[in-house]
N, C-alpha and C. Protein backbone atom coordinates (compact mmCIF):
# COMPACT_ATOMS: atom_id res chain seq x y z
N MET A 1 -119.80 17.33 -39.72
CA MET A 1 -118.81 16.27 -39.69
C MET A 1 -119.51 14.95 -39.89
N LYS A 2 -118.95 14.11 -40.73
CA LYS A 2 -119.52 12.80 -40.98
C LYS A 2 -119.05 11.82 -39.91
N LEU A 3 -119.94 10.92 -39.52
CA LEU A 3 -119.57 9.87 -38.57
C LEU A 3 -119.01 8.70 -39.36
N THR A 4 -117.72 8.76 -39.61
CA THR A 4 -117.06 7.72 -40.40
C THR A 4 -116.02 7.02 -39.55
N SER A 5 -115.27 6.13 -40.17
CA SER A 5 -114.20 5.45 -39.46
C SER A 5 -113.17 6.46 -38.97
N ASN A 6 -113.02 7.58 -39.69
CA ASN A 6 -112.11 8.63 -39.25
C ASN A 6 -112.54 9.16 -37.88
N TRP A 7 -113.83 9.31 -37.67
CA TRP A 7 -114.36 9.76 -36.39
C TRP A 7 -113.96 8.79 -35.29
N ARG A 8 -114.01 7.49 -35.59
CA ARG A 8 -113.64 6.48 -34.59
C ARG A 8 -112.17 6.60 -34.20
N LYS A 9 -111.33 6.95 -35.17
CA LYS A 9 -109.91 7.15 -34.87
C LYS A 9 -109.72 8.43 -34.06
N GLU A 10 -110.44 9.47 -34.43
CA GLU A 10 -110.28 10.76 -33.78
C GLU A 10 -110.69 10.73 -32.31
N ILE A 11 -111.70 9.97 -31.98
CA ILE A 11 -112.19 9.97 -30.61
C ILE A 11 -111.15 9.41 -29.64
N GLY A 12 -110.24 8.58 -30.13
CA GLY A 12 -109.24 7.96 -29.27
C GLY A 12 -107.99 8.79 -29.04
N THR A 13 -107.93 9.99 -29.60
CA THR A 13 -106.74 10.81 -29.35
C THR A 13 -106.78 11.34 -27.92
N ILE A 14 -105.61 11.56 -27.36
CA ILE A 14 -105.52 12.03 -25.97
C ILE A 14 -106.27 13.35 -25.78
N PRO A 15 -106.11 14.35 -26.66
CA PRO A 15 -106.87 15.59 -26.46
C PRO A 15 -108.38 15.38 -26.43
N ASN A 16 -108.89 14.54 -27.33
CA ASN A 16 -110.34 14.30 -27.35
C ASN A 16 -110.80 13.54 -26.12
N LEU A 17 -110.00 12.58 -25.67
CA LEU A 17 -110.34 11.86 -24.44
C LEU A 17 -110.33 12.81 -23.24
N LEU A 18 -109.42 13.77 -23.23
CA LEU A 18 -109.40 14.75 -22.13
C LEU A 18 -110.65 15.64 -22.17
N SER A 19 -111.09 16.01 -23.36
CA SER A 19 -112.33 16.81 -23.47
C SER A 19 -113.53 16.02 -22.97
N ILE A 20 -113.59 14.75 -23.34
CA ILE A 20 -114.69 13.88 -22.87
C ILE A 20 -114.61 13.73 -21.35
N PHE A 21 -113.40 13.57 -20.84
CA PHE A 21 -113.19 13.45 -19.39
C PHE A 21 -113.74 14.68 -18.65
N ARG A 22 -113.52 15.87 -19.22
CA ARG A 22 -114.04 17.09 -18.59
C ARG A 22 -115.56 17.06 -18.49
N VAL A 23 -116.22 16.56 -19.52
CA VAL A 23 -117.68 16.47 -19.50
C VAL A 23 -118.13 15.43 -18.48
N VAL A 24 -117.41 14.32 -18.40
CA VAL A 24 -117.75 13.26 -17.44
C VAL A 24 -117.59 13.76 -16.00
N LEU A 25 -116.67 14.67 -15.76
CA LEU A 25 -116.46 15.21 -14.41
C LEU A 25 -117.66 16.04 -13.91
N LEU A 26 -118.43 16.61 -14.82
CA LEU A 26 -119.47 17.57 -14.44
C LEU A 26 -120.53 17.01 -13.49
N PRO A 27 -121.08 15.83 -13.71
CA PRO A 27 -122.06 15.33 -12.74
C PRO A 27 -121.46 15.12 -11.34
N PHE A 28 -120.20 14.68 -11.31
CA PHE A 28 -119.54 14.49 -10.01
C PHE A 28 -119.33 15.83 -9.32
N TYR A 29 -118.90 16.83 -10.09
CA TYR A 29 -118.76 18.18 -9.55
C TYR A 29 -120.10 18.65 -8.97
N PHE A 30 -121.15 18.50 -9.77
CA PHE A 30 -122.47 18.97 -9.36
C PHE A 30 -122.93 18.26 -8.07
N TYR A 31 -122.68 16.96 -7.99
CA TYR A 31 -123.01 16.19 -6.79
C TYR A 31 -122.27 16.76 -5.57
N PHE A 32 -120.98 17.01 -5.72
CA PHE A 32 -120.20 17.54 -4.60
C PHE A 32 -120.69 18.91 -4.17
N VAL A 33 -121.09 19.74 -5.12
CA VAL A 33 -121.63 21.06 -4.77
C VAL A 33 -122.94 20.90 -3.99
N LEU A 34 -123.82 20.03 -4.48
CA LEU A 34 -125.09 19.81 -3.79
C LEU A 34 -124.89 19.27 -2.37
N GLU A 35 -123.88 18.45 -2.20
CA GLU A 35 -123.55 17.89 -0.88
C GLU A 35 -122.73 18.87 -0.04
N GLN A 36 -122.43 20.03 -0.59
CA GLN A 36 -121.62 21.06 0.03
C GLN A 36 -120.22 20.56 0.36
N SER A 37 -119.72 19.66 -0.45
CA SER A 37 -118.33 19.21 -0.37
C SER A 37 -117.52 20.10 -1.31
N PHE A 38 -117.41 21.37 -0.91
CA PHE A 38 -116.83 22.37 -1.80
C PHE A 38 -115.37 22.10 -2.11
N MET A 39 -114.63 21.54 -1.16
CA MET A 39 -113.22 21.24 -1.40
C MET A 39 -113.09 20.23 -2.55
N LEU A 40 -113.88 19.16 -2.50
CA LEU A 40 -113.84 18.16 -3.57
C LEU A 40 -114.30 18.75 -4.90
N ALA A 41 -115.34 19.57 -4.87
CA ALA A 41 -115.83 20.22 -6.09
C ALA A 41 -114.74 21.13 -6.66
N GLY A 42 -114.06 21.86 -5.78
CA GLY A 42 -112.98 22.75 -6.23
C GLY A 42 -111.83 21.98 -6.84
N ILE A 43 -111.49 20.84 -6.25
CA ILE A 43 -110.41 20.01 -6.79
C ILE A 43 -110.79 19.48 -8.17
N LEU A 44 -112.06 19.03 -8.31
CA LEU A 44 -112.50 18.54 -9.63
C LEU A 44 -112.42 19.63 -10.69
N ILE A 45 -112.81 20.83 -10.33
CA ILE A 45 -112.79 21.91 -11.32
C ILE A 45 -111.36 22.32 -11.63
N ALA A 46 -110.49 22.29 -10.64
CA ALA A 46 -109.07 22.56 -10.91
C ALA A 46 -108.52 21.49 -11.87
N LEU A 47 -108.88 20.24 -11.64
CA LEU A 47 -108.47 19.15 -12.53
C LEU A 47 -109.04 19.36 -13.93
N SER A 48 -110.29 19.79 -14.01
CA SER A 48 -110.92 20.07 -15.30
C SER A 48 -110.16 21.19 -16.02
N GLY A 49 -109.78 22.23 -15.29
CA GLY A 49 -109.03 23.33 -15.89
C GLY A 49 -107.68 22.89 -16.41
N ILE A 50 -107.01 22.02 -15.65
CA ILE A 50 -105.72 21.50 -16.09
C ILE A 50 -105.88 20.67 -17.36
N THR A 51 -106.90 19.82 -17.40
CA THR A 51 -107.11 19.00 -18.60
C THR A 51 -107.54 19.86 -19.79
N ASP A 52 -108.22 20.98 -19.52
CA ASP A 52 -108.59 21.90 -20.60
C ASP A 52 -107.32 22.47 -21.23
N PHE A 53 -106.38 22.88 -20.39
CA PHE A 53 -105.11 23.38 -20.91
C PHE A 53 -104.36 22.28 -21.65
N LEU A 54 -104.30 21.10 -21.04
CA LEU A 54 -103.52 20.00 -21.62
C LEU A 54 -104.06 19.53 -22.96
N ASP A 55 -105.39 19.49 -23.11
CA ASP A 55 -105.91 18.98 -24.39
C ASP A 55 -105.47 19.86 -25.55
N GLY A 56 -105.52 21.17 -25.37
CA GLY A 56 -105.07 22.07 -26.44
C GLY A 56 -103.57 22.00 -26.66
N PHE A 57 -102.81 21.94 -25.57
CA PHE A 57 -101.36 21.87 -25.66
C PHE A 57 -100.93 20.60 -26.38
N ILE A 58 -101.48 19.46 -25.98
CA ILE A 58 -101.12 18.18 -26.59
C ILE A 58 -101.54 18.14 -28.06
N ALA A 59 -102.74 18.65 -28.34
CA ALA A 59 -103.22 18.64 -29.72
C ALA A 59 -102.27 19.43 -30.63
N ARG A 60 -101.82 20.60 -30.18
CA ARG A 60 -100.92 21.40 -31.01
C ARG A 60 -99.51 20.82 -31.05
N LYS A 61 -98.99 20.44 -29.90
CA LYS A 61 -97.61 19.96 -29.80
C LYS A 61 -97.39 18.66 -30.57
N PHE A 62 -98.36 17.75 -30.51
CA PHE A 62 -98.19 16.44 -31.12
C PHE A 62 -99.06 16.24 -32.37
N ASN A 63 -99.47 17.37 -32.95
CA ASN A 63 -100.24 17.36 -34.19
C ASN A 63 -101.44 16.41 -34.10
N GLN A 64 -102.22 16.57 -33.03
CA GLN A 64 -103.42 15.75 -32.84
C GLN A 64 -104.69 16.60 -32.92
N ILE A 65 -104.63 17.68 -33.69
CA ILE A 65 -105.82 18.50 -33.89
C ILE A 65 -106.74 17.75 -34.84
N THR A 66 -107.99 17.55 -34.42
CA THR A 66 -108.95 16.81 -35.23
C THR A 66 -110.23 17.62 -35.39
N GLU A 67 -111.00 17.26 -36.39
CA GLU A 67 -112.30 17.92 -36.58
C GLU A 67 -113.21 17.64 -35.37
N LEU A 68 -113.16 16.43 -34.86
CA LEU A 68 -113.96 16.11 -33.67
C LEU A 68 -113.51 16.95 -32.49
N GLY A 69 -112.22 17.12 -32.32
CA GLY A 69 -111.69 17.92 -31.22
C GLY A 69 -112.10 19.38 -31.32
N LYS A 70 -112.20 19.88 -32.55
CA LYS A 70 -112.64 21.27 -32.75
C LYS A 70 -114.08 21.46 -32.29
N LEU A 71 -114.83 20.38 -32.23
CA LEU A 71 -116.20 20.42 -31.72
C LEU A 71 -116.24 20.10 -30.22
N LEU A 72 -115.53 19.04 -29.83
CA LEU A 72 -115.58 18.58 -28.44
C LEU A 72 -115.05 19.59 -27.44
N ASP A 73 -113.90 20.19 -27.74
CA ASP A 73 -113.28 21.10 -26.78
C ASP A 73 -114.16 22.29 -26.43
N PRO A 74 -114.69 23.02 -27.43
CA PRO A 74 -115.54 24.15 -27.06
C PRO A 74 -116.85 23.72 -26.38
N VAL A 75 -117.39 22.56 -26.76
CA VAL A 75 -118.60 22.08 -26.09
C VAL A 75 -118.29 21.78 -24.62
N ALA A 76 -117.16 21.11 -24.37
CA ALA A 76 -116.76 20.82 -22.99
C ALA A 76 -116.54 22.12 -22.22
N ASP A 77 -115.92 23.12 -22.86
CA ASP A 77 -115.70 24.43 -22.22
C ASP A 77 -117.02 25.08 -21.82
N LYS A 78 -117.93 25.15 -22.79
CA LYS A 78 -119.20 25.85 -22.53
C LYS A 78 -120.05 25.11 -21.51
N LEU A 79 -120.09 23.79 -21.59
CA LEU A 79 -120.84 23.02 -20.59
C LEU A 79 -120.26 23.23 -19.19
N THR A 80 -118.94 23.20 -19.10
CA THR A 80 -118.29 23.40 -17.80
C THR A 80 -118.60 24.79 -17.26
N GLN A 81 -118.45 25.80 -18.09
CA GLN A 81 -118.73 27.16 -17.64
C GLN A 81 -120.18 27.31 -17.21
N LEU A 82 -121.09 26.74 -17.99
CA LEU A 82 -122.51 26.81 -17.66
C LEU A 82 -122.80 26.14 -16.32
N VAL A 83 -122.27 24.94 -16.12
CA VAL A 83 -122.50 24.21 -14.87
C VAL A 83 -121.87 24.96 -13.69
N LEU A 84 -120.69 25.53 -13.89
CA LEU A 84 -120.05 26.29 -12.82
C LEU A 84 -120.91 27.48 -12.39
N ILE A 85 -121.36 28.22 -13.36
CA ILE A 85 -122.14 29.42 -13.05
C ILE A 85 -123.48 29.03 -12.42
N LEU A 86 -124.16 28.04 -12.99
CA LEU A 86 -125.45 27.62 -12.43
C LEU A 86 -125.31 27.05 -11.02
N SER A 87 -124.29 26.26 -10.79
CA SER A 87 -124.13 25.65 -9.47
C SER A 87 -123.82 26.70 -8.41
N MET A 88 -123.15 27.73 -8.80
CA MET A 88 -122.81 28.78 -7.83
C MET A 88 -124.03 29.62 -7.47
N ASP A 89 -125.06 29.58 -8.29
CA ASP A 89 -126.26 30.38 -8.05
C ASP A 89 -126.93 30.05 -6.72
N TRP A 90 -126.85 28.80 -6.27
CA TRP A 90 -127.48 28.44 -5.00
C TRP A 90 -126.80 29.09 -3.81
N TYR A 91 -125.50 29.36 -3.95
CA TYR A 91 -124.74 29.87 -2.82
C TYR A 91 -124.36 31.33 -2.97
N ARG A 92 -124.39 31.81 -4.16
CA ARG A 92 -124.04 33.20 -4.46
C ARG A 92 -125.08 33.76 -5.44
N PRO A 93 -126.28 34.09 -4.94
CA PRO A 93 -127.37 34.49 -5.85
C PRO A 93 -127.05 35.68 -6.76
N MET A 94 -126.07 36.50 -6.40
CA MET A 94 -125.78 37.65 -7.25
C MET A 94 -125.11 37.26 -8.56
N ILE A 95 -124.81 35.99 -8.72
CA ILE A 95 -124.16 35.54 -9.96
C ILE A 95 -125.12 35.52 -11.15
N TRP A 96 -126.40 35.75 -10.92
CA TRP A 96 -127.38 35.69 -12.02
C TRP A 96 -127.01 36.61 -13.17
N TRP A 97 -126.41 37.77 -12.88
CA TRP A 97 -126.07 38.68 -13.97
C TRP A 97 -124.88 38.16 -14.77
N ILE A 98 -124.00 37.40 -14.15
CA ILE A 98 -122.92 36.74 -14.89
C ILE A 98 -123.53 35.67 -15.80
N PHE A 99 -124.51 34.95 -15.27
CA PHE A 99 -125.21 33.94 -16.06
C PHE A 99 -125.86 34.58 -17.28
N GLY A 100 -126.53 35.71 -17.08
CA GLY A 100 -127.18 36.42 -18.19
C GLY A 100 -126.17 36.86 -19.24
N LEU A 101 -125.05 37.43 -18.80
CA LEU A 101 -124.01 37.86 -19.73
C LEU A 101 -123.43 36.67 -20.48
N PHE A 102 -123.22 35.57 -19.77
CA PHE A 102 -122.71 34.34 -20.40
C PHE A 102 -123.67 33.87 -21.49
N LEU A 103 -124.98 33.84 -21.20
CA LEU A 103 -125.96 33.39 -22.19
C LEU A 103 -126.01 34.32 -23.41
N ILE A 104 -125.94 35.62 -23.17
CA ILE A 104 -125.96 36.58 -24.28
C ILE A 104 -124.72 36.41 -25.15
N LYS A 105 -123.55 36.31 -24.52
CA LYS A 105 -122.30 36.13 -25.27
C LYS A 105 -122.32 34.84 -26.08
N GLU A 106 -122.69 33.75 -25.44
CA GLU A 106 -122.69 32.46 -26.14
C GLU A 106 -123.78 32.40 -27.21
N GLY A 107 -124.91 33.04 -26.96
CA GLY A 107 -125.95 33.13 -27.98
C GLY A 107 -125.45 33.89 -29.20
N PHE A 108 -124.77 34.99 -28.95
CA PHE A 108 -124.18 35.75 -30.06
C PHE A 108 -123.19 34.89 -30.83
N MET A 109 -122.31 34.19 -30.11
CA MET A 109 -121.29 33.35 -30.76
C MET A 109 -121.95 32.27 -31.62
N PHE A 110 -123.02 31.69 -31.10
CA PHE A 110 -123.73 30.65 -31.83
C PHE A 110 -124.32 31.20 -33.13
N PHE A 111 -125.05 32.30 -33.03
CA PHE A 111 -125.70 32.85 -34.22
C PHE A 111 -124.69 33.45 -35.20
N ALA A 112 -123.65 34.09 -34.69
CA ALA A 112 -122.61 34.61 -35.59
C ALA A 112 -121.91 33.46 -36.29
N GLY A 113 -121.71 32.35 -35.59
CA GLY A 113 -121.10 31.18 -36.21
C GLY A 113 -121.96 30.61 -37.32
N ILE A 114 -123.27 30.57 -37.10
CA ILE A 114 -124.19 30.08 -38.12
C ILE A 114 -124.16 31.00 -39.35
N ILE A 115 -124.19 32.30 -39.11
CA ILE A 115 -124.12 33.25 -40.23
C ILE A 115 -122.80 33.07 -40.98
N GLY A 116 -121.72 32.89 -40.22
CA GLY A 116 -120.42 32.65 -40.85
C GLY A 116 -120.41 31.41 -41.71
N LEU A 117 -121.00 30.34 -41.21
CA LEU A 117 -121.06 29.10 -41.99
C LEU A 117 -121.84 29.30 -43.29
N ARG A 118 -122.92 30.06 -43.22
CA ARG A 118 -123.71 30.33 -44.42
C ARG A 118 -122.92 31.14 -45.44
N LYS A 119 -122.01 32.00 -44.95
CA LYS A 119 -121.17 32.80 -45.85
C LYS A 119 -119.85 32.09 -46.15
N ASN A 120 -119.73 30.86 -45.67
CA ASN A 120 -118.55 30.04 -45.89
C ASN A 120 -117.28 30.61 -45.26
N VAL A 121 -117.44 31.25 -44.11
CA VAL A 121 -116.29 31.72 -43.32
C VAL A 121 -116.49 31.26 -41.89
N LYS A 122 -115.36 31.02 -41.22
CA LYS A 122 -115.48 30.64 -39.81
C LYS A 122 -114.30 31.16 -39.03
N LEU A 123 -114.52 31.33 -37.75
CA LEU A 123 -113.47 31.76 -36.84
C LEU A 123 -112.44 30.65 -36.77
N ASP A 124 -111.19 31.02 -36.80
CA ASP A 124 -110.11 30.02 -36.77
C ASP A 124 -109.70 29.76 -35.32
N GLY A 125 -110.53 29.02 -34.61
CA GLY A 125 -110.21 28.66 -33.22
C GLY A 125 -110.50 29.78 -32.24
N ALA A 126 -110.39 29.43 -30.96
CA ALA A 126 -110.64 30.41 -29.89
C ALA A 126 -109.54 31.46 -29.89
N LYS A 127 -109.91 32.65 -29.56
CA LYS A 127 -108.95 33.76 -29.45
C LYS A 127 -108.45 33.86 -28.02
N TRP A 128 -107.38 34.62 -27.84
CA TRP A 128 -106.78 34.73 -26.50
C TRP A 128 -107.77 35.26 -25.47
N TYR A 129 -108.64 36.17 -25.87
CA TYR A 129 -109.57 36.76 -24.92
C TYR A 129 -110.66 35.77 -24.51
N GLY A 130 -111.02 34.86 -25.39
CA GLY A 130 -111.95 33.79 -25.02
C GLY A 130 -111.30 32.82 -24.06
N LYS A 131 -110.03 32.50 -24.33
CA LYS A 131 -109.29 31.60 -23.44
C LYS A 131 -109.08 32.25 -22.07
N LEU A 132 -108.81 33.56 -22.07
CA LEU A 132 -108.64 34.28 -20.81
C LEU A 132 -109.93 34.26 -20.00
N ALA A 133 -111.06 34.51 -20.64
CA ALA A 133 -112.34 34.48 -19.94
C ALA A 133 -112.60 33.11 -19.33
N THR A 134 -112.28 32.06 -20.07
CA THR A 134 -112.45 30.70 -19.56
C THR A 134 -111.57 30.49 -18.34
N ALA A 135 -110.31 30.90 -18.43
CA ALA A 135 -109.38 30.74 -17.31
C ALA A 135 -109.83 31.52 -16.08
N VAL A 136 -110.34 32.73 -16.29
CA VAL A 136 -110.81 33.56 -15.17
C VAL A 136 -112.03 32.91 -14.50
N ILE A 137 -112.94 32.37 -15.30
CA ILE A 137 -114.10 31.68 -14.74
C ILE A 137 -113.64 30.48 -13.91
N TYR A 138 -112.76 29.67 -14.47
CA TYR A 138 -112.23 28.52 -13.73
C TYR A 138 -111.59 28.97 -12.42
N ALA A 139 -110.66 29.92 -12.49
CA ALA A 139 -109.93 30.36 -11.30
C ALA A 139 -110.87 30.96 -10.26
N GLY A 140 -111.79 31.80 -10.72
CA GLY A 140 -112.73 32.42 -9.79
C GLY A 140 -113.60 31.41 -9.09
N MET A 141 -114.12 30.46 -9.83
CA MET A 141 -114.99 29.45 -9.23
C MET A 141 -114.22 28.52 -8.29
N VAL A 142 -113.00 28.18 -8.65
CA VAL A 142 -112.18 27.35 -7.76
C VAL A 142 -111.95 28.09 -6.44
N LEU A 143 -111.62 29.38 -6.51
CA LEU A 143 -111.42 30.16 -5.29
C LEU A 143 -112.69 30.20 -4.44
N LEU A 144 -113.83 30.41 -5.09
CA LEU A 144 -115.09 30.47 -4.35
C LEU A 144 -115.44 29.12 -3.72
N LEU A 145 -115.07 28.04 -4.38
CA LEU A 145 -115.34 26.71 -3.83
C LEU A 145 -114.38 26.36 -2.70
N LEU A 146 -113.11 26.65 -2.88
CA LEU A 146 -112.12 26.30 -1.87
C LEU A 146 -112.21 27.19 -0.63
N PHE A 147 -112.73 28.39 -0.80
CA PHE A 147 -112.86 29.33 0.31
C PHE A 147 -114.30 29.85 0.38
N PRO A 148 -115.24 28.99 0.80
CA PRO A 148 -116.65 29.36 0.77
C PRO A 148 -117.01 30.50 1.75
N GLU A 149 -116.15 30.78 2.68
CA GLU A 149 -116.43 31.83 3.67
C GLU A 149 -115.72 33.14 3.35
N LEU A 150 -115.33 33.32 2.10
CA LEU A 150 -114.67 34.57 1.72
C LEU A 150 -115.55 35.77 2.06
N PRO A 151 -114.95 36.85 2.52
CA PRO A 151 -115.73 38.07 2.77
C PRO A 151 -116.38 38.57 1.48
N ALA A 152 -117.50 39.22 1.63
CA ALA A 152 -118.28 39.69 0.48
C ALA A 152 -117.46 40.56 -0.46
N ILE A 153 -116.55 41.35 0.07
CA ILE A 153 -115.75 42.22 -0.80
C ILE A 153 -114.89 41.40 -1.77
N TRP A 154 -114.35 40.28 -1.30
CA TRP A 154 -113.54 39.42 -2.16
C TRP A 154 -114.42 38.70 -3.19
N VAL A 155 -115.59 38.27 -2.76
CA VAL A 155 -116.54 37.63 -3.68
C VAL A 155 -116.91 38.63 -4.78
N ASN A 156 -117.17 39.87 -4.40
CA ASN A 156 -117.52 40.90 -5.39
C ASN A 156 -116.37 41.16 -6.36
N TRP A 157 -115.14 41.14 -5.86
CA TRP A 157 -113.98 41.32 -6.74
C TRP A 157 -113.87 40.17 -7.73
N ILE A 158 -114.06 38.95 -7.25
CA ILE A 158 -114.00 37.78 -8.12
C ILE A 158 -115.09 37.87 -9.18
N PHE A 159 -116.31 38.20 -8.77
CA PHE A 159 -117.40 38.34 -9.73
C PHE A 159 -117.13 39.48 -10.70
N GLY A 160 -116.52 40.54 -10.22
CA GLY A 160 -116.17 41.67 -11.09
C GLY A 160 -115.16 41.26 -12.15
N LEU A 161 -114.15 40.49 -11.75
CA LEU A 161 -113.16 40.01 -12.72
C LEU A 161 -113.77 39.07 -13.75
N ILE A 162 -114.64 38.19 -13.28
CA ILE A 162 -115.32 37.28 -14.20
C ILE A 162 -116.17 38.08 -15.19
N THR A 163 -116.92 39.04 -14.67
CA THR A 163 -117.77 39.87 -15.52
C THR A 163 -116.93 40.64 -16.54
N TYR A 164 -115.85 41.25 -16.07
CA TYR A 164 -114.99 42.01 -16.97
C TYR A 164 -114.43 41.13 -18.07
N SER A 165 -113.92 39.94 -17.70
CA SER A 165 -113.31 39.07 -18.72
C SER A 165 -114.36 38.57 -19.72
N LEU A 166 -115.57 38.26 -19.24
CA LEU A 166 -116.64 37.85 -20.15
C LEU A 166 -117.03 39.00 -21.08
N LEU A 167 -117.17 40.19 -20.51
CA LEU A 167 -117.56 41.36 -21.30
C LEU A 167 -116.48 41.70 -22.33
N GLN A 168 -115.22 41.68 -21.91
CA GLN A 168 -114.11 41.93 -22.83
C GLN A 168 -114.12 40.92 -23.97
N SER A 169 -114.27 39.67 -23.63
CA SER A 169 -114.32 38.61 -24.64
C SER A 169 -115.48 38.84 -25.60
N PHE A 170 -116.63 39.17 -25.06
CA PHE A 170 -117.83 39.40 -25.87
C PHE A 170 -117.59 40.54 -26.87
N VAL A 171 -117.09 41.68 -26.38
CA VAL A 171 -116.86 42.84 -27.24
C VAL A 171 -115.81 42.53 -28.31
N LEU A 172 -114.73 41.86 -27.93
CA LEU A 172 -113.69 41.55 -28.90
C LEU A 172 -114.15 40.50 -29.92
N TYR A 173 -114.99 39.56 -29.49
CA TYR A 173 -115.54 38.61 -30.46
C TYR A 173 -116.52 39.30 -31.40
N ILE A 174 -117.27 40.28 -30.93
CA ILE A 174 -118.15 41.05 -31.81
C ILE A 174 -117.30 41.71 -32.90
N ARG A 175 -116.20 42.34 -32.49
CA ARG A 175 -115.30 42.97 -33.47
C ARG A 175 -114.74 41.95 -34.46
N GLU A 176 -114.33 40.80 -33.94
CA GLU A 176 -113.75 39.75 -34.78
C GLU A 176 -114.77 39.26 -35.81
N TYR A 177 -115.99 38.99 -35.34
CA TYR A 177 -117.03 38.52 -36.28
C TYR A 177 -117.43 39.61 -37.25
N HIS A 178 -117.42 40.86 -36.80
CA HIS A 178 -117.75 41.96 -37.73
C HIS A 178 -116.74 42.01 -38.86
N LYS A 179 -115.46 41.90 -38.54
CA LYS A 179 -114.41 41.88 -39.58
C LYS A 179 -114.55 40.65 -40.48
N LEU A 180 -114.83 39.53 -39.87
CA LEU A 180 -114.91 38.28 -40.60
C LEU A 180 -116.09 38.25 -41.57
N LEU A 181 -117.21 38.80 -41.14
CA LEU A 181 -118.43 38.71 -41.94
C LEU A 181 -118.57 39.83 -42.95
N ASN A 182 -117.71 40.85 -42.88
CA ASN A 182 -117.79 41.97 -43.83
C ASN A 182 -116.65 41.96 -44.83
């Protein structure tokens, strides 16, 4: 994408401002987690999840889909998911395998995207299973933050759901890229 006057117009759209807002929330979230103000951290992430939904809804409903937004939204999503998973590692060490799966999935998406660009094909936006995985990560992390004393069985169920949704998304994106690239 060229940094032109069009870029300056695009950055001011409500969906793009919401994506930027989500990224700006991350240091505050991280601070609250470090201070063990889990309620405030949970509220910020719930707010981030709402703005994630709203940016896509507003962009489609009011025809504000931009090239910048196609970049900003997924970057804000991935940064948020990464920070959520990493921040939870201090309090829930078993999350490391979710972190590993997240890195493998996103690494695959990155390299498959590069191969697609070289072949002049690209995925047409996030698929439902990617959006579902994002929503499950948000919901699971908000629950873990708002209820830090959850019994281990509930924590394991939440981690299981997150793992399943990430794995499902990964497998279905592999299929999608296989079809796209062949």
